[in-house]
Amino acid sequence: MVRALAKVTNTDWETAYIRLVMNGFAMGLMPNNSATFSATMRKNGFYRKAIPNTCPDCYTVADFAEDNPEGTYVLASNNHVVAVVDGDIYDMYDSSSVIPLFVWYREGDEPMEDEDEL
């Protein structure tokens, strides 16, 4: 969460971490709680959208990055988040095969959807 937040907000790791900690403290939750992360993303101008469920086990982070060569996104899976900026995946390991459930995006960067390809 911290790395993805830092990447998409153009801040350093420490600043991103403090944002999560402070929001978690204000909400009475841990900084890595999904509600804390969601509130932090919204406070930084992001909107959340579900990834279409037409192909739930085959649409990967790599597919999303290829389908969205421009824009700033954070993809969330069951237990991980990853930043995708201008089609490049930013993570601490190769998460290209992870199946995303949600995408966070800024206004004007709404992800492309091609139901026929999903």
Protein backbone atom coordinates (compact mmCIF):
# COMPACT_ATOMS: atom_id res chain seq x y z
CA MET A 1 0.00 0.00 0.00
CA VAL A 2 2.71 2.44 0.95
CA ARG A 3 4.77 1.98 -2.23
CA ALA A 4 1.72 2.27 -4.48
CA LEU A 5 0.46 5.37 -2.65
CA ALA A 6 3.91 6.99 -2.80
CA LYS A 7 4.20 6.30 -6.54
CA VAL A 8 0.80 7.65 -7.56
CA THR A 9 1.00 10.73 -5.31
CA ASN A 10 4.61 11.56 -6.26
CA THR A 11 5.74 11.49 -2.64
CA ASP A 12 8.39 9.57 -0.79
CA TRP A 13 7.69 6.37 1.15
CA GLU A 14 7.77 8.14 4.51
CA THR A 15 5.14 10.71 3.50
CA ALA A 16 2.84 8.02 2.10
CA TYR A 17 3.26 5.96 5.26
CA ILE A 18 2.44 8.91 7.52
CA ARG A 19 -0.69 9.65 5.48
CA LEU A 20 -1.88 6.08 6.02
CA VAL A 21 -0.98 6.13 9.71
CA MET A 22 -2.74 9.44 10.35
CA ASN A 23 -5.87 8.40 8.47
CA GLY A 24 -5.88 5.06 10.29
CA PHE A 25 -5.46 6.82 13.63
CA ALA A 26 -8.33 9.22 12.87
CA MET A 27 -10.54 6.29 11.85
CA GLY A 28 -9.49 4.02 14.71
CA LEU A 29 -8.06 1.51 12.23
CA MET A 30 -4.66 0.11 11.32
CA PRO A 31 -2.80 1.88 8.50
CA ASN A 32 -2.97 -1.23 6.29
CA ASN A 33 -6.74 -1.66 6.69
CA SER A 34 -8.57 -1.47 3.36
CA ALA A 35 -10.92 1.23 4.72
CA THR A 36 -7.90 3.32 5.72
CA PHE A 37 -6.34 2.87 2.29
CA SER A 38 -9.65 3.73 0.59
CA ALA A 39 -10.05 6.92 2.63
CA THR A 40 -6.46 7.92 1.88
CA MET A 41 -6.91 7.35 -1.84
CA ARG A 42 -10.12 9.43 -1.87
CA LYS A 43 -8.37 12.23 0.04
CA ASN A 44 -5.74 12.21 -2.71
CA GLY A 45 -8.28 12.63 -5.49
CA PHE A 46 -8.81 9.00 -6.55
CA TYR A 47 -12.03 7.17 -7.36
CA ARG A 48 -12.59 3.43 -7.05
CA LYS A 49 -14.20 1.19 -9.60
CA ALA A 50 -14.68 -2.58 -9.72
CA ILE A 51 -12.90 -4.47 -12.47
CA PRO A 52 -15.56 -6.16 -14.67
CA ASN A 53 -16.19 -9.73 -13.59
CA THR A 54 -16.73 -11.17 -17.07
CA CYS A 55 -13.45 -13.08 -16.87
CA PRO A 56 -12.72 -13.26 -13.15
CA ASP A 57 -9.72 -15.60 -13.34
CA CYS A 58 -7.97 -14.43 -16.45
CA TYR A 59 -7.70 -10.60 -16.49
CA THR A 60 -4.36 -9.78 -14.87
CA VAL A 61 -2.41 -6.72 -13.80
CA ALA A 62 -0.35 -7.14 -16.99
CA ASP A 63 -3.55 -7.13 -19.08
CA PHE A 64 -4.73 -3.97 -17.33
CA ALA A 65 -1.37 -2.25 -17.90
CA GLU A 66 -1.47 -3.17 -21.58
CA ASP A 67 -5.05 -1.93 -21.94
CA ASN A 68 -4.23 1.37 -20.19
CA PRO A 69 -1.00 2.77 -21.66
CA GLU A 70 -1.74 6.23 -20.24
CA GLY A 71 -2.89 7.28 -16.80
CA THR A 72 -2.18 6.73 -13.12
CA TYR A 73 -3.82 3.77 -11.38
CA VAL A 74 -3.68 1.60 -8.31
CA LEU A 75 -4.97 -1.94 -8.69
CA ALA A 76 -6.20 -3.90 -5.68
CA SER A 77 -6.42 -7.67 -5.40
CA ASN A 78 -7.54 -9.71 -2.40
CA ASN A 79 -4.40 -8.92 -0.43
CA HIS A 80 -2.16 -6.63 -2.47
CA VAL A 81 -2.09 -3.27 -4.23
CA VAL A 82 0.11 -2.25 -7.14
CA ALA A 83 0.66 1.01 -9.01
CA VAL A 84 0.33 1.20 -12.79
CA VAL A 85 1.52 4.46 -14.35
CA ASP A 86 1.39 4.98 -18.10
CA GLY A 87 1.26 1.23 -18.70
CA ASP A 88 4.24 0.45 -16.44
CA ILE A 89 3.78 -1.75 -13.35
CA TYR A 90 5.46 -0.52 -10.15
CA ASP A 91 5.76 -3.08 -7.40
CA MET A 92 8.31 -4.73 -5.15
CA TYR A 93 7.93 -8.03 -7.04
CA ASP A 94 6.52 -9.23 -10.36
CA SER A 95 2.78 -8.94 -9.74
CA SER A 96 1.87 -8.98 -13.42
CA SER A 97 -0.09 -12.25 -13.02
CA VAL A 98 -2.16 -11.01 -10.05
CA ILE A 99 -5.92 -10.81 -10.66
CA PRO A 100 -7.13 -7.29 -9.76
CA LEU A 101 -10.57 -6.70 -8.24
CA PHE A 102 -10.63 -2.88 -8.09
CA VAL A 103 -8.93 0.02 -9.77
CA TRP A 104 -8.29 3.44 -8.25
CA TYR A 105 -8.02 6.27 -10.78
CA ARG A 106 -8.09 10.06 -10.98
CA GLU A 107 -10.74 12.01 -12.84
CA GLY A 108 -9.78 12.04 -16.50
CA ASP A 109 -7.87 8.75 -16.16
CA GLU A 110 -10.90 6.46 -16.11
CA PRO A 111 -9.64 3.05 -17.21
CA MET A 112 -10.49 1.70 -20.63
CA GLU A 113 -12.90 -1.20 -20.72
CA ASP A 114 -13.35 -3.59 -23.57
CA GLU A 115 -15.90 -6.16 -22.42
CA ASP A 116 -15.12 -8.35 -25.43
CA GLU A 117 -11.49 -8.72 -24.36
CA LEU A 118 -12.12 -9.36 -20.68
